[in-house]
Amino acid sequence: MNSINIHDLKNYNAKLIAEYLQQQSRNAFQIIIPKDRIDPDDINFSIFWQYHMAAYAGQKLYNVSESFAYTVPCPQSKNNFHFEIQVADIKRLSTALAFIICGYYDNDKTILRFNEEAATFLSDSFEAKTECNTWGLLHIANEYLGKSP
């Protein structure tokens, strides 16, 4: 299984990501999304935001995979988010990864689109308007959304 930390690809565009993925020997990947530091002034929102974003990123990975699994780290731990996927179409994976990476690291219109889509995913999942395959992450995000500091 090939391991990819999205932080390591933050300066790659979709074309470079596709080239990188095509150099890998297998179509099985462990995608790692690092946790951000927790804002001590707003711990609950920081945890909500991390799990919310990871849930949406995971759903995007699920949508391009043939096989999908993920871990749910403890909110207070420093453990990263891990997604294990197997894909048939590397181009679809590179497009999804490019969007996810831009959603985490860019300061352009893509990050806004990613955040808007993630917000829609959150509400639509709880209203059963969309399929959600990352409930473990969304559940934690929802728990921290309503918590007082």
N, C-alpha and C. Protein backbone atom coordinates (compact mmCIF):
# COMPACT_ATOMS: atom_id res chain seq x y z
N MET A 1 0.85 -1.17 0.00
CA MET A 1 0.00 0.00 0.00
C MET A 1 0.90 1.24 0.00
N ASN A 2 0.56 2.18 -0.86
CA ASN A 2 1.29 3.44 -0.95
C ASN A 2 0.72 4.42 0.05
N SER A 3 1.59 5.10 0.80
CA SER A 3 1.16 6.06 1.80
C SER A 3 1.41 7.47 1.28
N ILE A 4 0.37 8.32 1.37
CA ILE A 4 0.46 9.70 0.90
C ILE A 4 -0.06 10.63 1.97
N ASN A 5 0.80 11.53 2.42
CA ASN A 5 0.39 12.59 3.34
C ASN A 5 0.08 13.80 2.48
N ILE A 6 -1.13 14.33 2.55
CA ILE A 6 -1.51 15.42 1.65
C ILE A 6 -0.64 16.66 1.87
N HIS A 7 -0.10 16.80 3.06
CA HIS A 7 0.78 17.95 3.33
C HIS A 7 2.01 17.91 2.41
N ASP A 8 2.49 16.71 2.11
CA ASP A 8 3.67 16.56 1.24
C ASP A 8 3.38 16.95 -0.20
N LEU A 9 2.11 16.98 -0.58
CA LEU A 9 1.73 17.31 -1.96
C LEU A 9 1.08 18.68 -2.07
N LYS A 10 1.19 19.49 -1.03
CA LYS A 10 0.45 20.76 -1.01
C LYS A 10 0.86 21.73 -2.11
N ASN A 11 2.02 21.56 -2.69
CA ASN A 11 2.46 22.44 -3.78
C ASN A 11 2.27 21.81 -5.15
N TYR A 12 1.57 20.67 -5.22
CA TYR A 12 1.33 19.98 -6.47
C TYR A 12 -0.01 20.40 -7.05
N ASN A 13 -0.07 20.52 -8.37
CA ASN A 13 -1.36 20.72 -9.03
C ASN A 13 -1.89 19.34 -9.45
N ALA A 14 -3.08 19.31 -10.05
CA ALA A 14 -3.71 18.04 -10.41
C ALA A 14 -2.82 17.23 -11.37
N LYS A 15 -2.16 17.89 -12.30
CA LYS A 15 -1.30 17.18 -13.26
C LYS A 15 -0.12 16.53 -12.55
N LEU A 16 0.52 17.26 -11.64
CA LEU A 16 1.66 16.69 -10.91
C LEU A 16 1.22 15.57 -9.98
N ILE A 17 0.05 15.71 -9.39
CA ILE A 17 -0.47 14.64 -8.54
C ILE A 17 -0.72 13.39 -9.37
N ALA A 18 -1.29 13.56 -10.56
CA ALA A 18 -1.54 12.41 -11.44
C ALA A 18 -0.22 11.73 -11.82
N GLU A 19 0.79 12.51 -12.14
CA GLU A 19 2.10 11.94 -12.47
C GLU A 19 2.68 11.19 -11.29
N TYR A 20 2.56 11.78 -10.11
CA TYR A 20 3.07 11.12 -8.90
C TYR A 20 2.34 9.80 -8.66
N LEU A 21 1.03 9.80 -8.77
CA LEU A 21 0.25 8.59 -8.52
C LEU A 21 0.57 7.50 -9.54
N GLN A 22 0.80 7.88 -10.78
CA GLN A 22 1.10 6.89 -11.82
C GLN A 22 2.46 6.23 -11.61
N GLN A 23 3.31 6.85 -10.83
CA GLN A 23 4.62 6.25 -10.54
C GLN A 23 4.52 5.19 -9.44
N GLN A 24 3.40 5.16 -8.74
CA GLN A 24 3.23 4.19 -7.66
C GLN A 24 2.96 2.81 -8.24
N SER A 25 3.43 1.79 -7.52
CA SER A 25 3.36 0.43 -8.05
C SER A 25 1.98 -0.22 -7.90
N ARG A 26 1.18 0.30 -7.00
CA ARG A 26 -0.14 -0.30 -6.76
C ARG A 26 -1.22 0.76 -6.79
N ASN A 27 -2.45 0.31 -6.82
CA ASN A 27 -3.59 1.21 -6.78
C ASN A 27 -4.25 1.22 -5.41
N ALA A 28 -3.49 0.82 -4.40
CA ALA A 28 -3.97 0.86 -3.02
C ALA A 28 -3.19 1.95 -2.29
N PHE A 29 -3.93 2.82 -1.62
CA PHE A 29 -3.30 3.98 -0.99
C PHE A 29 -3.81 4.18 0.43
N GLN A 30 -2.91 4.67 1.27
CA GLN A 30 -3.29 5.19 2.57
C GLN A 30 -3.10 6.70 2.45
N ILE A 31 -4.20 7.42 2.52
CA ILE A 31 -4.16 8.88 2.42
C ILE A 31 -4.19 9.42 3.85
N ILE A 32 -3.21 10.24 4.18
CA ILE A 32 -3.11 10.81 5.52
C ILE A 32 -3.42 12.30 5.44
N ILE A 33 -4.36 12.72 6.28
CA ILE A 33 -4.67 14.14 6.42
C ILE A 33 -4.24 14.54 7.83
N PRO A 34 -3.21 15.38 7.91
CA PRO A 34 -2.73 15.76 9.24
C PRO A 34 -3.73 16.63 9.99
N LYS A 35 -3.76 16.44 11.28
CA LYS A 35 -4.59 17.32 12.12
C LYS A 35 -3.88 18.67 12.23
N ASP A 36 -4.68 19.73 12.29
CA ASP A 36 -4.15 21.06 12.56
C ASP A 36 -3.95 21.21 14.06
N ARG A 37 -3.27 22.26 14.40
CA ARG A 37 -3.13 22.54 15.83
C ARG A 37 -4.50 23.04 16.34
N ILE A 38 -4.78 22.71 17.57
CA ILE A 38 -6.02 23.14 18.21
C ILE A 38 -5.84 24.57 18.71
N ASP A 39 -6.79 25.43 18.37
CA ASP A 39 -6.77 26.81 18.87
C ASP A 39 -7.19 26.78 20.34
N PRO A 40 -6.29 27.16 21.24
CA PRO A 40 -6.64 27.10 22.67
C PRO A 40 -7.77 28.05 23.05
N ASP A 41 -8.03 29.05 22.23
CA ASP A 41 -9.12 29.98 22.52
C ASP A 41 -10.48 29.48 22.04
N ASP A 42 -10.46 28.47 21.19
CA ASP A 42 -11.72 27.92 20.67
C ASP A 42 -11.55 26.43 20.36
N ILE A 43 -11.31 25.66 21.39
CA ILE A 43 -11.02 24.23 21.25
C ILE A 43 -12.16 23.50 20.55
N ASN A 44 -13.39 23.74 20.97
CA ASN A 44 -14.52 23.01 20.41
C ASN A 44 -14.71 23.27 18.93
N PHE A 45 -14.59 24.53 18.52
CA PHE A 45 -14.73 24.82 17.09
C PHE A 45 -13.57 24.23 16.29
N SER A 46 -12.37 24.26 16.85
CA SER A 46 -11.21 23.67 16.16
C SER A 46 -11.43 22.18 15.90
N ILE A 47 -11.92 21.49 16.92
CA ILE A 47 -12.17 20.05 16.75
C ILE A 47 -13.31 19.84 15.76
N PHE A 48 -14.39 20.60 15.89
CA PHE A 48 -15.48 20.50 14.91
C PHE A 48 -14.93 20.66 13.49
N TRP A 49 -14.16 21.72 13.28
CA TRP A 49 -13.68 22.04 11.93
C TRP A 49 -12.81 20.92 11.37
N GLN A 50 -11.91 20.39 12.17
CA GLN A 50 -11.02 19.32 11.69
C GLN A 50 -11.79 18.08 11.29
N TYR A 51 -12.75 17.68 12.12
CA TYR A 51 -13.51 16.46 11.83
C TYR A 51 -14.50 16.68 10.69
N HIS A 52 -15.06 17.84 10.61
CA HIS A 52 -15.97 18.19 9.52
C HIS A 52 -15.23 18.14 8.18
N MET A 53 -14.06 18.78 8.12
CA MET A 53 -13.27 18.80 6.88
C MET A 53 -12.80 17.39 6.52
N ALA A 54 -12.35 16.64 7.51
CA ALA A 54 -11.89 15.27 7.25
C ALA A 54 -13.03 14.38 6.76
N ALA A 55 -14.22 14.58 7.32
CA ALA A 55 -15.38 13.79 6.87
C ALA A 55 -15.67 14.05 5.41
N TYR A 56 -15.63 15.32 5.02
CA TYR A 56 -15.91 15.65 3.62
C TYR A 56 -14.80 15.14 2.71
N ALA A 57 -13.55 15.34 3.12
CA ALA A 57 -12.42 14.83 2.32
C ALA A 57 -12.53 13.31 2.17
N GLY A 58 -12.87 12.64 3.26
CA GLY A 58 -13.04 11.19 3.20
C GLY A 58 -14.16 10.77 2.26
N GLN A 59 -15.24 11.52 2.25
CA GLN A 59 -16.34 11.21 1.34
C GLN A 59 -15.89 11.37 -0.12
N LYS A 60 -15.09 12.41 -0.38
CA LYS A 60 -14.57 12.60 -1.74
C LYS A 60 -13.69 11.41 -2.13
N LEU A 61 -12.90 10.89 -1.20
CA LEU A 61 -12.07 9.71 -1.48
C LEU A 61 -12.94 8.47 -1.67
N TYR A 62 -13.96 8.34 -0.85
CA TYR A 62 -14.89 7.21 -1.00
C TYR A 62 -15.50 7.21 -2.41
N ASN A 63 -15.87 8.39 -2.89
CA ASN A 63 -16.54 8.50 -4.19
C ASN A 63 -15.69 8.02 -5.36
N VAL A 64 -14.37 7.98 -5.20
CA VAL A 64 -13.50 7.54 -6.31
C VAL A 64 -12.88 6.18 -6.05
N SER A 65 -13.28 5.53 -4.95
CA SER A 65 -12.62 4.27 -4.58
C SER A 65 -13.50 3.05 -4.85
N GLU A 66 -12.82 1.93 -4.98
CA GLU A 66 -13.50 0.64 -5.07
C GLU A 66 -13.62 0.00 -3.69
N SER A 67 -12.67 0.33 -2.83
CA SER A 67 -12.63 -0.17 -1.47
C SER A 67 -12.23 1.00 -0.58
N PHE A 68 -12.86 1.11 0.60
CA PHE A 68 -12.66 2.30 1.44
C PHE A 68 -12.74 1.93 2.91
N ALA A 69 -11.81 2.44 3.68
CA ALA A 69 -11.83 2.31 5.14
C ALA A 69 -11.16 3.54 5.72
N TYR A 70 -11.51 3.87 6.95
CA TYR A 70 -10.89 5.03 7.58
C TYR A 70 -10.83 4.82 9.08
N THR A 71 -9.99 5.61 9.74
CA THR A 71 -9.91 5.57 11.19
C THR A 71 -10.46 6.88 11.75
N VAL A 72 -10.95 6.80 12.96
CA VAL A 72 -11.47 7.97 13.66
C VAL A 72 -10.57 8.20 14.88
N PRO A 73 -9.64 9.15 14.78
CA PRO A 73 -8.77 9.39 15.93
C PRO A 73 -9.52 10.09 17.06
N CYS A 74 -9.06 9.88 18.25
CA CYS A 74 -9.64 10.56 19.42
C CYS A 74 -9.47 12.07 19.23
N PRO A 75 -10.50 12.86 19.48
CA PRO A 75 -10.40 14.31 19.27
C PRO A 75 -9.25 14.97 20.03
N GLN A 76 -8.91 14.47 21.20
CA GLN A 76 -7.83 15.09 21.97
C GLN A 76 -6.44 14.58 21.60
N SER A 77 -6.37 13.56 20.74
CA SER A 77 -5.06 13.02 20.36
C SER A 77 -4.48 13.82 19.19
N LYS A 78 -3.22 13.62 18.96
CA LYS A 78 -2.55 14.27 17.83
C LYS A 78 -2.51 13.34 16.61
N ASN A 79 -3.17 12.18 16.70
CA ASN A 79 -3.18 11.24 15.58
C ASN A 79 -3.88 11.84 14.38
N ASN A 80 -3.31 11.58 13.22
CA ASN A 80 -3.85 12.10 11.97
C ASN A 80 -5.05 11.28 11.51
N PHE A 81 -5.73 11.79 10.49
CA PHE A 81 -6.83 11.07 9.84
C PHE A 81 -6.22 10.16 8.77
N HIS A 82 -6.63 8.89 8.76
CA HIS A 82 -6.11 7.92 7.79
C HIS A 82 -7.28 7.34 7.00
N PHE A 83 -7.10 7.32 5.68
CA PHE A 83 -8.09 6.73 4.79
C PHE A 83 -7.37 5.70 3.92
N GLU A 84 -7.87 4.49 3.92
CA GLU A 84 -7.30 3.44 3.07
C GLU A 84 -8.26 3.20 1.92
N ILE A 85 -7.72 3.34 0.71
CA ILE A 85 -8.57 3.18 -0.47
C ILE A 85 -7.87 2.34 -1.52
N GLN A 86 -8.67 1.75 -2.35
CA GLN A 86 -8.19 1.07 -3.55
C GLN A 86 -8.97 1.68 -4.71
N VAL A 87 -8.25 2.04 -5.75
CA VAL A 87 -8.88 2.73 -6.87
C VAL A 87 -8.57 2.02 -8.18
N ALA A 88 -9.47 2.18 -9.13
CA ALA A 88 -9.24 1.67 -10.48
C ALA A 88 -8.82 2.80 -11.42
N ASP A 89 -9.25 4.00 -11.11
CA ASP A 89 -9.03 5.14 -11.98
C ASP A 89 -8.15 6.18 -11.27
N ILE A 90 -6.87 6.17 -11.60
CA ILE A 90 -5.90 7.07 -10.99
C ILE A 90 -6.24 8.53 -11.31
N LYS A 91 -6.76 8.79 -12.49
CA LYS A 91 -7.09 10.17 -12.86
C LYS A 91 -8.19 10.73 -11.94
N ARG A 92 -9.19 9.93 -11.65
CA ARG A 92 -10.25 10.39 -10.73
C ARG A 92 -9.69 10.64 -9.33
N LEU A 93 -8.76 9.77 -8.89
CA LEU A 93 -8.15 9.97 -7.59
C LEU A 93 -7.31 11.25 -7.59
N SER A 94 -6.56 11.50 -8.66
CA SER A 94 -5.73 12.71 -8.69
C SER A 94 -6.59 13.97 -8.67
N THR A 95 -7.73 13.94 -9.34
CA THR A 95 -8.64 15.09 -9.33
C THR A 95 -9.20 15.30 -7.92
N ALA A 96 -9.61 14.22 -7.27
CA ALA A 96 -10.14 14.32 -5.90
C ALA A 96 -9.07 14.81 -4.94
N LEU A 97 -7.86 14.26 -5.04
CA LEU A 97 -6.78 14.69 -4.15
C LEU A 97 -6.42 16.16 -4.37
N ALA A 98 -6.38 16.59 -5.62
CA ALA A 98 -6.06 18.00 -5.91
C ALA A 98 -7.10 18.91 -5.27
N PHE A 99 -8.37 18.53 -5.35
CA PHE A 99 -9.44 19.33 -4.74
C PHE A 99 -9.31 19.35 -3.21
N ILE A 100 -9.03 18.19 -2.62
CA ILE A 100 -8.87 18.10 -1.17
C ILE A 100 -7.68 18.94 -0.72
N ILE A 101 -6.57 18.80 -1.40
CA ILE A 101 -5.36 19.55 -1.03
C ILE A 101 -5.61 21.05 -1.15
N CYS A 102 -6.26 21.47 -2.22
CA CYS A 102 -6.59 22.90 -2.35
C CYS A 102 -7.54 23.33 -1.24
N GLY A 103 -8.44 22.46 -0.85
CA GLY A 103 -9.38 22.78 0.22
C GLY A 103 -8.70 22.95 1.57
N TYR A 104 -7.55 22.33 1.73
CA TYR A 104 -6.82 22.45 2.99
C TYR A 104 -5.74 23.52 2.95
N TYR A 105 -5.14 23.77 1.79
CA TYR A 105 -3.93 24.58 1.78
C TYR A 105 -3.96 25.83 0.90
N ASP A 106 -4.87 25.95 -0.04
CA ASP A 106 -4.84 27.10 -0.94
C ASP A 106 -5.60 28.29 -0.37
N ASN A 107 -5.34 29.43 -0.93
CA ASN A 107 -6.04 30.65 -0.53
C ASN A 107 -6.75 31.26 -1.72
N ASP A 108 -7.32 30.44 -2.55
CA ASP A 108 -8.02 30.95 -3.73
C ASP A 108 -9.48 30.50 -3.70
N LYS A 109 -10.11 30.56 -4.82
CA LYS A 109 -11.53 30.22 -4.91
C LYS A 109 -11.80 28.75 -4.59
N THR A 110 -10.81 27.88 -4.81
CA THR A 110 -11.01 26.46 -4.58
C THR A 110 -11.25 26.18 -3.10
N ILE A 111 -10.52 26.84 -2.23
CA ILE A 111 -10.72 26.60 -0.80
C ILE A 111 -12.13 27.04 -0.38
N LEU A 112 -12.62 28.11 -0.97
CA LEU A 112 -13.99 28.55 -0.67
C LEU A 112 -15.00 27.54 -1.17
N ARG A 113 -14.79 27.02 -2.37
CA ARG A 113 -15.69 26.01 -2.93
C ARG A 113 -15.68 24.74 -2.07
N PHE A 114 -14.47 24.33 -1.67
CA PHE A 114 -14.34 23.15 -0.82
C PHE A 114 -15.11 23.36 0.49
N ASN A 115 -14.93 24.53 1.12
CA ASN A 115 -15.61 24.80 2.39
C ASN A 115 -17.13 24.86 2.21
N GLU A 116 -17.59 25.46 1.12
CA GLU A 116 -19.03 25.52 0.86
C GLU A 116 -19.60 24.12 0.65
N GLU A 117 -18.90 23.31 -0.14
CA GLU A 117 -19.37 21.94 -0.39
C GLU A 117 -19.34 21.11 0.89
N ALA A 118 -18.33 21.33 1.74
CA ALA A 118 -18.24 20.61 3.01
C ALA A 118 -19.41 20.98 3.92
N ALA A 119 -19.77 22.25 3.94
CA ALA A 119 -20.91 22.70 4.76
C ALA A 119 -22.21 22.08 4.25
N THR A 120 -22.38 22.05 2.94
CA THR A 120 -23.57 21.43 2.35
C THR A 120 -23.59 19.94 2.66
N PHE A 121 -22.43 19.29 2.58
CA PHE A 121 -22.32 17.86 2.88
C PHE A 121 -22.76 17.59 4.32
N LEU A 122 -22.32 18.43 5.25
CA LEU A 122 -22.68 18.27 6.65
C LEU A 122 -24.20 18.32 6.83
N SER A 123 -24.81 19.39 6.35
CA SER A 123 -26.26 19.53 6.55
C SER A 123 -27.04 18.48 5.76
N ASP A 124 -26.64 18.23 4.53
CA ASP A 124 -27.35 17.23 3.71
C ASP A 124 -27.23 15.82 4.28
N SER A 125 -26.10 15.52 4.91
CA SER A 125 -25.93 14.19 5.52
C SER A 125 -26.90 14.00 6.66
N PHE A 126 -27.02 15.00 7.52
CA PHE A 126 -27.91 14.88 8.66
C PHE A 126 -29.38 14.96 8.27
N GLU A 127 -29.66 15.52 7.11
CA GLU A 127 -31.04 15.58 6.61
C GLU A 127 -31.34 14.43 5.65
N ALA A 128 -30.40 13.49 5.52
CA ALA A 128 -30.53 12.31 4.65
C ALA A 128 -30.76 12.69 3.18
N LYS A 129 -30.17 13.79 2.76
CA LYS A 129 -30.27 14.21 1.37
C LYS A 129 -29.10 13.71 0.54
N THR A 130 -28.07 13.22 1.20
CA THR A 130 -26.89 12.71 0.50
C THR A 130 -26.35 11.50 1.23
N GLU A 131 -25.64 10.67 0.50
CA GLU A 131 -25.02 9.50 1.11
C GLU A 131 -23.78 9.94 1.88
N CYS A 132 -23.61 9.41 3.08
CA CYS A 132 -22.43 9.71 3.89
C CYS A 132 -21.77 8.41 4.30
N ASN A 133 -20.50 8.28 3.99
CA ASN A 133 -19.74 7.09 4.35
C ASN A 133 -18.65 7.40 5.36
N THR A 134 -18.77 8.55 6.00
CA THR A 134 -17.79 8.98 7.01
C THR A 134 -18.51 9.44 8.28
N TRP A 135 -19.55 8.68 8.67
CA TRP A 135 -20.37 9.07 9.82
C TRP A 135 -19.57 9.16 11.10
N GLY A 136 -18.55 8.33 11.27
CA GLY A 136 -17.75 8.38 12.49
C GLY A 136 -17.12 9.75 12.69
N LEU A 137 -16.65 10.35 11.60
CA LEU A 137 -16.05 11.68 11.66
C LEU A 137 -17.12 12.76 11.81
N LEU A 138 -18.21 12.63 11.06
CA LEU A 138 -19.28 13.63 11.15
C LEU A 138 -19.93 13.64 12.52
N HIS A 139 -20.05 12.48 13.12
CA HIS A 139 -20.65 12.40 14.45
C HIS A 139 -19.84 13.24 15.44
N ILE A 140 -18.52 13.09 15.41
CA ILE A 140 -17.67 13.86 16.32
C ILE A 140 -17.75 15.34 15.98
N ALA A 141 -17.72 15.67 14.69
CA ALA A 141 -17.85 17.08 14.29
C ALA A 141 -19.13 17.67 14.86
N ASN A 142 -20.22 16.96 14.73
CA ASN A 142 -21.51 17.45 15.21
C ASN A 142 -21.53 17.60 16.73
N GLU A 143 -20.88 16.68 17.44
CA GLU A 143 -20.79 16.77 18.90
C GLU A 143 -20.14 18.08 19.33
N TYR A 144 -19.07 18.45 18.64
CA TYR A 144 -18.31 19.64 19.03
C TYR A 144 -18.91 20.93 18.47
N LEU A 145 -19.76 20.82 17.48
CA LEU A 145 -20.38 22.01 16.91
C LEU A 145 -21.23 22.75 17.95
N GLY A 146 -21.94 22.01 18.74
CA GLY A 146 -22.84 22.64 19.68
C GLY A 146 -22.28 22.86 21.08
N LYS A 147 -21.03 22.45 21.31
CA LYS A 147 -20.46 22.59 22.66
C LYS A 147 -20.08 24.02 22.96
N SER A 148 -20.29 24.40 24.19
CA SER A 148 -19.86 25.73 24.65
C SER A 148 -18.39 25.66 25.05
N PRO A 149 -17.69 26.77 24.92
CA PRO A 149 -16.27 26.78 25.33
C PRO A 149 -16.07 26.48 26.79
